[in-house]
Amino acid sequence: MNNDTVTAKSKFSMHQALRLIAGVMILVSLALTYFVHPNWVFFSVFIALNLIQSAFTKWCPMITILKKAGLKE
């Protein structure tokens, strides 16, 4: 791994990663709903409810995971 790759990784903030993960999870759950079974829509509902609760409680489980993974705010 060269220094450019390491520098690029260190510029990726925790909140950018959170938005990326949430967006990907929503798209995956919608694809599963369409292609696999309609009940996968509840995965999208779970993600939405988690985002809503994090707005009120200022705590998000994914942020905790990303901090443990070493991402900086």
PDB file of N, CA and C in Angstrom:
ATOM      1  N   MET A   1       0.850  -1.169   0.000  1.00  0.00           N
ATOM      2  CA  MET A   1       0.000   0.000   0.000  1.00  0.00           C
ATOM      3  C   MET A   1       0.899   1.236   0.000  1.00  0.00           C
ATOM      4  N   ASN A   2       0.637   2.171  -0.894  1.00  0.00           N
ATOM      5  CA  ASN A   2       1.471   3.372  -0.956  1.00  0.00           C
ATOM      6  C   ASN A   2       0.905   4.477  -0.065  1.00  0.00           C
ATOM      7  N   ASN A   3       1.639   5.573   0.074  1.00  0.00           N
ATOM      8  CA  ASN A   3       1.236   6.664   0.961  1.00  0.00           C
ATOM      9  C   ASN A   3      -0.017   7.377   0.491  1.00  0.00           C
ATOM     10  N   ASP A   4      -0.269   7.428  -0.828  1.00  0.00           N
ATOM     11  CA  ASP A   4      -1.470   8.081  -1.336  1.00  0.00           C
ATOM     12  C   ASP A   4      -2.727   7.372  -0.847  1.00  0.00           C
ATOM     13  N   THR A   5      -2.693   6.063  -0.810  1.00  0.00           N
ATOM     14  CA  THR A   5      -3.845   5.292  -0.345  1.00  0.00           C
ATOM     15  C   THR A   5      -4.089   5.541   1.135  1.00  0.00           C
ATOM     16  N   VAL A   6      -3.045   5.562   1.931  1.00  0.00           N
ATOM     17  CA  VAL A   6      -3.178   5.794   3.365  1.00  0.00           C
ATOM     18  C   VAL A   6      -3.718   7.193   3.618  1.00  0.00           C
ATOM     19  N   THR A   7      -3.230   8.189   2.898  1.00  0.00           N
ATOM     20  CA  THR A   7      -3.696   9.565   3.058  1.00  0.00           C
ATOM     21  C   THR A   7      -5.163   9.679   2.680  1.00  0.00           C
ATOM     22  N   ALA A   8      -5.578   9.043   1.607  1.00  0.00           N
ATOM     23  CA  ALA A   8      -6.967   9.105   1.183  1.00  0.00           C
ATOM     24  C   ALA A   8      -7.883   8.476   2.226  1.00  0.00           C
ATOM     25  N   LYS A   9      -7.457   7.382   2.833  1.00  0.00           N
ATOM     26  CA  LYS A   9      -8.271   6.732   3.852  1.00  0.00           C
ATOM     27  C   LYS A   9      -8.414   7.617   5.085  1.00  0.00           C
ATOM     28  N   SER A  10      -7.375   8.320   5.466  1.00  0.00           N
ATOM     29  CA  SER A  10      -7.436   9.131   6.669  1.00  0.00           C
ATOM     30  C   SER A  10      -8.320  10.362   6.483  1.00  0.00           C
ATOM     31  N   LYS A  11      -8.598  10.768   5.257  1.00  0.00           N
ATOM     32  CA  LYS A  11      -9.456  11.923   4.994  1.00  0.00           C
ATOM     33  C   LYS A  11     -10.937  11.542   4.966  1.00  0.00           C
ATOM     34  N   PHE A  12     -11.251  10.258   5.020  1.00  0.00           N
ATOM     35  CA  PHE A  12     -12.618   9.775   4.991  1.00  0.00           C
ATOM     36  C   PHE A  12     -13.169   9.845   6.405  1.00  0.00           C
ATOM     37  N   SER A  13     -14.089  10.783   6.666  1.00  0.00           N
ATOM     38  CA  SER A  13     -14.570  10.997   8.032  1.00  0.00           C
ATOM     39  C   SER A  13     -15.614   9.962   8.436  1.00  0.00           C
ATOM     40  N   MET A  14     -15.860   9.908   9.722  1.00  0.00           N
ATOM     41  CA  MET A  14     -16.836   8.971  10.263  1.00  0.00           C
ATOM     42  C   MET A  14     -18.239   9.280   9.746  1.00  0.00           C
ATOM     43  N   HIS A  15     -18.576  10.549   9.640  1.00  0.00           N
ATOM     44  CA  HIS A  15     -19.921  10.920   9.193  1.00  0.00           C
ATOM     45  C   HIS A  15     -20.118  10.642   7.703  1.00  0.00           C
ATOM     46  N   GLN A  16     -19.056  10.766   6.923  1.00  0.00           N
ATOM     47  CA  GLN A  16     -19.137  10.367   5.513  1.00  0.00           C
ATOM     48  C   GLN A  16     -19.366   8.872   5.410  1.00  0.00           C
ATOM     49  N   ALA A  17     -18.647   8.117   6.215  1.00  0.00           N
ATOM     50  CA  ALA A  17     -18.807   6.657   6.211  1.00  0.00           C
ATOM     51  C   ALA A  17     -20.214   6.273   6.656  1.00  0.00           C
ATOM     52  N   LEU A  18     -20.741   6.950   7.655  1.00  0.00           N
ATOM     53  CA  LEU A  18     -22.089   6.670   8.142  1.00  0.00           C
ATOM     54  C   LEU A  18     -23.129   6.893   7.048  1.00  0.00           C
ATOM     55  N   ARG A  19     -23.025   8.003   6.345  1.00  0.00           N
ATOM     56  CA  ARG A  19     -23.978   8.289   5.263  1.00  0.00           C
ATOM     57  C   ARG A  19     -23.852   7.273   4.136  1.00  0.00           C
ATOM     58  N   LEU A  20     -22.622   6.882   3.820  1.00  0.00           N
ATOM     59  CA  LEU A  20     -22.401   5.877   2.783  1.00  0.00           C
ATOM     60  C   LEU A  20     -23.013   4.539   3.185  1.00  0.00           C
ATOM     61  N   ILE A  21     -22.769   4.105   4.405  1.00  0.00           N
ATOM     62  CA  ILE A  21     -23.290   2.821   4.877  1.00  0.00           C
ATOM     63  C   ILE A  21     -24.814   2.839   4.906  1.00  0.00           C
ATOM     64  N   ALA A  22     -25.414   3.913   5.414  1.00  0.00           N
ATOM     65  CA  ALA A  22     -26.875   4.002   5.477  1.00  0.00           C
ATOM     66  C   ALA A  22     -27.482   3.969   4.073  1.00  0.00           C
ATOM     67  N   GLY A  23     -26.894   4.701   3.146  1.00  0.00           N
ATOM     68  CA  GLY A  23     -27.395   4.702   1.768  1.00  0.00           C
ATOM     69  C   GLY A  23     -27.294   3.346   1.107  1.00  0.00           C
ATOM     70  N   VAL A  24     -26.172   2.675   1.303  1.00  0.00           N
ATOM     71  CA  VAL A  24     -25.982   1.347   0.719  1.00  0.00           C
ATOM     72  C   VAL A  24     -26.964   0.355   1.336  1.00  0.00           C
ATOM     73  N   MET A  25     -27.156   0.439   2.660  1.00  0.00           N
ATOM     74  CA  MET A  25     -28.084  -0.482   3.316  1.00  0.00           C
ATOM     75  C   MET A  25     -29.512  -0.275   2.822  1.00  0.00           C
ATOM     76  N   ILE A  26     -29.918   0.962   2.613  1.00  0.00           N
ATOM     77  CA  ILE A  26     -31.262   1.236   2.079  1.00  0.00           C
ATOM     78  C   ILE A  26     -31.396   0.657   0.679  1.00  0.00           C
ATOM     79  N   LEU A  27     -30.409   0.886  -0.181  1.00  0.00           N
ATOM     80  CA  LEU A  27     -30.471   0.349  -1.544  1.00  0.00           C
ATOM     81  C   LEU A  27     -30.495  -1.180  -1.551  1.00  0.00           C
ATOM     82  N   VAL A  28     -29.703  -1.798  -0.691  1.00  0.00           N
ATOM     83  CA  VAL A  28     -29.690  -3.265  -0.608  1.00  0.00           C
ATOM     84  C   VAL A  28     -31.051  -3.780  -0.147  1.00  0.00           C
ATOM     85  N   SER A  29     -31.620  -3.134   0.873  1.00  0.00           N
ATOM     86  CA  SER A  29     -32.908  -3.602   1.371  1.00  0.00           C
ATOM     87  C   SER A  29     -34.015  -3.405   0.338  1.00  0.00           C
ATOM     88  N   LEU A  30     -33.959  -2.332  -0.422  1.00  0.00           N
ATOM     89  CA  LEU A  30     -34.956  -2.134  -1.480  1.00  0.00           C
ATOM     90  C   LEU A  30     -34.790  -3.173  -2.594  1.00  0.00           C
ATOM     91  N   ALA A  31     -33.560  -3.510  -2.930  1.00  0.00           N
ATOM     92  CA  ALA A  31     -33.320  -4.552  -3.938  1.00  0.00           C
ATOM     93  C   ALA A  31     -33.821  -5.903  -3.430  1.00  0.00           C
ATOM     94  N   LEU A  32     -33.564  -6.208  -2.167  1.00  0.00           N
ATOM     95  CA  LEU A  32     -34.059  -7.456  -1.595  1.00  0.00           C
ATOM     96  C   LEU A  32     -35.582  -7.479  -1.579  1.00  0.00           C
ATOM     97  N   THR A  33     -36.202  -6.338  -1.286  1.00  0.00           N
ATOM     98  CA  THR A  33     -37.661  -6.253  -1.297  1.00  0.00           C
ATOM     99  C   THR A  33     -38.211  -6.544  -2.688  1.00  0.00           C
ATOM    100  N   TYR A  34     -37.575  -5.996  -3.682  1.00  0.00           N
ATOM    101  CA  TYR A  34     -38.058  -6.151  -5.059  1.00  0.00           C
ATOM    102  C   TYR A  34     -37.780  -7.550  -5.611  1.00  0.00           C
ATOM    103  N   PHE A  35     -36.564  -8.049  -5.402  1.00  0.00           N
ATOM    104  CA  PHE A  35     -36.150  -9.289  -6.053  1.00  0.00           C
ATOM    105  C   PHE A  35     -36.365 -10.553  -5.212  1.00  0.00           C
ATOM    106  N   VAL A  36     -36.412 -10.436  -3.887  1.00  0.00           N
ATOM    107  CA  VAL A  36     -36.455 -11.633  -3.046  1.00  0.00           C
ATOM    108  C   VAL A  36     -37.832 -11.816  -2.406  1.00  0.00           C
ATOM    109  N   HIS A  37     -38.213 -10.864  -1.546  1.00  0.00           N
ATOM    110  CA  HIS A  37     -39.492 -11.004  -0.842  1.00  0.00           C
ATOM    111  C   HIS A  37     -39.932  -9.633  -0.331  1.00  0.00           C
ATOM    112  N   PRO A  38     -41.214  -9.319  -0.422  1.00  0.00           N
ATOM    113  CA  PRO A  38     -41.712  -8.003   0.026  1.00  0.00           C
ATOM    114  C   PRO A  38     -41.453  -7.694   1.500  1.00  0.00           C
ATOM    115  N   ASN A  39     -41.297  -8.704   2.331  1.00  0.00           N
ATOM    116  CA  ASN A  39     -41.062  -8.446   3.760  1.00  0.00           C
ATOM    117  C   ASN A  39     -39.708  -7.803   4.041  1.00  0.00           C
ATOM    118  N   TRP A  40     -38.802  -7.796   3.074  1.00  0.00           N
ATOM    119  CA  TRP A  40     -37.514  -7.120   3.265  1.00  0.00           C
ATOM    120  C   TRP A  40     -37.700  -5.616   3.425  1.00  0.00           C
ATOM    121  N   VAL A  41     -38.882  -5.097   3.115  1.00  0.00           N
ATOM    122  CA  VAL A  41     -39.144  -3.671   3.302  1.00  0.00           C
ATOM    123  C   VAL A  41     -38.991  -3.293   4.780  1.00  0.00           C
ATOM    124  N   PHE A  42     -39.199  -4.254   5.686  1.00  0.00           N
ATOM    125  CA  PHE A  42     -39.043  -3.967   7.107  1.00  0.00           C
ATOM    126  C   PHE A  42     -37.592  -3.681   7.488  1.00  0.00           C
ATOM    127  N   PHE A  43     -36.654  -4.143   6.692  1.00  0.00           N
ATOM    128  CA  PHE A  43     -35.252  -3.778   6.897  1.00  0.00           C
ATOM    129  C   PHE A  43     -35.069  -2.288   6.635  1.00  0.00           C
ATOM    130  N   SER A  44     -35.708  -1.766   5.582  1.00  0.00           N
ATOM    131  CA  SER A  44     -35.671  -0.321   5.300  1.00  0.00           C
ATOM    132  C   SER A  44     -36.314   0.459   6.441  1.00  0.00           C
ATOM    133  N   VAL A  45     -37.424  -0.054   6.959  1.00  0.00           N
ATOM    134  CA  VAL A  45     -38.102   0.601   8.075  1.00  0.00           C
ATOM    135  C   VAL A  45     -37.186   0.630   9.300  1.00  0.00           C
ATOM    136  N   PHE A  46     -36.503  -0.474   9.575  1.00  0.00           N
ATOM    137  CA  PHE A  46     -35.569  -0.533  10.695  1.00  0.00           C
ATOM    138  C   PHE A  46     -34.469   0.519  10.553  1.00  0.00           C
ATOM    139  N   ILE A  47     -33.913   0.641   9.360  1.00  0.00           N
ATOM    140  CA  ILE A  47     -32.847   1.621   9.123  1.00  0.00           C
ATOM    141  C   ILE A  47     -33.383   3.036   9.335  1.00  0.00           C
ATOM    142  N   ALA A  48     -34.564   3.315   8.801  1.00  0.00           N
ATOM    143  CA  ALA A  48     -35.162   4.645   8.950  1.00  0.00           C
ATOM    144  C   ALA A  48     -35.430   4.965  10.418  1.00  0.00           C
ATOM    145  N   LEU A  49     -35.996   4.010  11.151  1.00  0.00           N
ATOM    146  CA  LEU A  49     -36.266   4.241  12.576  1.00  0.00           C
ATOM    147  C   LEU A  49     -34.979   4.463  13.363  1.00  0.00           C
ATOM    148  N   ASN A  50     -33.931   3.753  12.999  1.00  0.00           N
ATOM    149  CA  ASN A  50     -32.648   3.939  13.662  1.00  0.00           C
ATOM    150  C   ASN A  50     -32.094   5.336  13.384  1.00  0.00           C
ATOM    151  N   LEU A  51     -32.223   5.816  12.166  1.00  0.00           N
ATOM    152  CA  LEU A  51     -31.763   7.172  11.846  1.00  0.00           C
ATOM    153  C   LEU A  51     -32.581   8.224  12.593  1.00  0.00           C
ATOM    154  N   ILE A  52     -33.891   7.994  12.702  1.00  0.00           N
ATOM    155  CA  ILE A  52     -34.755   8.928  13.423  1.00  0.00           C
ATOM    156  C   ILE A  52     -34.400   8.959  14.906  1.00  0.00           C
ATOM    157  N   GLN A  53     -34.242   7.769  15.530  1.00  0.00           N
ATOM    158  CA  GLN A  53     -33.903   7.752  16.961  1.00  0.00           C
ATOM    159  C   GLN A  53     -32.558   8.387  17.210  1.00  0.00           C
ATOM    160  N   SER A  54     -31.617   8.235  16.287  1.00  0.00           N
ATOM    161  CA  SER A  54     -30.297   8.832  16.505  1.00  0.00           C
ATOM    162  C   SER A  54     -30.356  10.356  16.447  1.00  0.00           C
ATOM    163  N   ALA A  55     -31.325  10.909  15.724  1.00  0.00           N
ATOM    164  CA  ALA A  55     -31.486  12.360  15.696  1.00  0.00           C
ATOM    165  C   ALA A  55     -31.932  12.893  17.056  1.00  0.00           C
ATOM    166  N   PHE A  56     -32.741  12.114  17.767  1.00  0.00           N
ATOM    167  CA  PHE A  56     -33.242  12.548  19.065  1.00  0.00           C
ATOM    168  C   PHE A  56     -32.302  12.199  20.217  1.00  0.00           C
ATOM    169  N   THR A  57     -31.661  11.046  20.145  1.00  0.00           N
ATOM    170  CA  THR A  57     -30.817  10.602  21.256  1.00  0.00           C
ATOM    171  C   THR A  57     -29.350  10.971  21.080  1.00  0.00           C
ATOM    172  N   LYS A  58     -28.984  11.380  19.861  1.00  0.00           N
ATOM    173  CA  LYS A  58     -27.594  11.693  19.518  1.00  0.00           C
ATOM    174  C   LYS A  58     -26.673  10.483  19.711  1.00  0.00           C
ATOM    175  N   TRP A  59     -27.234   9.279  19.561  1.00  0.00           N
ATOM    176  CA  TRP A  59     -26.466   8.035  19.636  1.00  0.00           C
ATOM    177  C   TRP A  59     -26.864   7.143  18.480  1.00  0.00           C
ATOM    178  N   CYS A  60     -25.864   6.666  17.766  1.00  0.00           N
ATOM    179  CA  CYS A  60     -26.097   5.783  16.629  1.00  0.00           C
ATOM    180  C   CYS A  60     -25.184   4.565  16.791  1.00  0.00           C
ATOM    181  N   PRO A  61     -25.749   3.369  16.724  1.00  0.00           N
ATOM    182  CA  PRO A  61     -24.913   2.172  16.880  1.00  0.00           C
ATOM    183  C   PRO A  61     -23.778   2.101  15.847  1.00  0.00           C
ATOM    184  N   MET A  62     -24.031   2.547  14.633  1.00  0.00           N
ATOM    185  CA  MET A  62     -22.996   2.475  13.602  1.00  0.00           C
ATOM    186  C   MET A  62     -21.833   3.409  13.921  1.00  0.00           C
ATOM    187  N   ILE A  63     -22.103   4.555  14.527  1.00  0.00           N
ATOM    188  CA  ILE A  63     -21.021   5.464  14.929  1.00  0.00           C
ATOM    189  C   ILE A  63     -20.114   4.769  15.945  1.00  0.00           C
ATOM    190  N   THR A  64     -20.715   4.041  16.881  1.00  0.00           N
ATOM    191  CA  THR A  64     -19.933   3.293  17.868  1.00  0.00           C
ATOM    192  C   THR A  64     -19.024   2.282  17.177  1.00  0.00           C
ATOM    193  N   ILE A  65     -19.571   1.581  16.198  1.00  0.00           N
ATOM    194  CA  ILE A  65     -18.787   0.587  15.443  1.00  0.00           C
ATOM    195  C   ILE A  65     -17.667   1.277  14.665  1.00  0.00           C
ATOM    196  N   LEU A  66     -17.972   2.407  14.028  1.00  0.00           N
ATOM    197  CA  LEU A  66     -16.957   3.105  13.239  1.00  0.00           C
ATOM    198  C   LEU A  66     -15.839   3.669  14.130  1.00  0.00           C
ATOM    199  N   LYS A  67     -16.195   4.139  15.331  1.00  0.00           N
ATOM    200  CA  LYS A  67     -15.164   4.612  16.266  1.00  0.00           C
ATOM    201  C   LYS A  67     -14.233   3.473  16.660  1.00  0.00           C
ATOM    202  N   LYS A  68     -14.822   2.298  16.931  1.00  0.00           N
ATOM    203  CA  LYS A  68     -13.994   1.133  17.293  1.00  0.00           C
ATOM    204  C   LYS A  68     -13.133   0.693  16.127  1.00  0.00           C
ATOM    205  N   ALA A  69     -13.591   0.967  14.892  1.00  0.00           N
ATOM    206  CA  ALA A  69     -12.814   0.619  13.707  1.00  0.00           C
ATOM    207  C   ALA A  69     -11.690   1.620  13.452  1.00  0.00           C
ATOM    208  N   GLY A  70     -11.697   2.739  14.187  1.00  0.00           N
ATOM    209  CA  GLY A  70     -10.594   3.685  14.088  1.00  0.00           C
ATOM    210  C   GLY A  70     -10.838   4.898  13.225  1.00  0.00           C
ATOM    211  N   LEU A  71     -12.073   5.110  12.755  1.00  0.00           N
ATOM    212  CA  LEU A  71     -12.357   6.303  11.957  1.00  0.00           C
ATOM    213  C   LEU A  71     -12.435   7.524  12.868  1.00  0.00           C
ATOM    214  N   LYS A  72     -11.962   8.634  12.372  1.00  0.00           N
ATOM    215  CA  LYS A  72     -11.968   9.887  13.122  1.00  0.00           C
ATOM    216  C   LYS A  72     -13.201  10.699  12.756  1.00  0.00           C
ATOM    217  N   GLU A  73     -13.651  11.498  13.724  1.00  0.00           N
ATOM    218  CA  GLU A  73     -14.799  12.373  13.453  1.00  0.00           C
ATOM    219  C   GLU A  73     -14.357  13.499  12.575  1.00  0.00           C
TER     220      GLU A  73
END
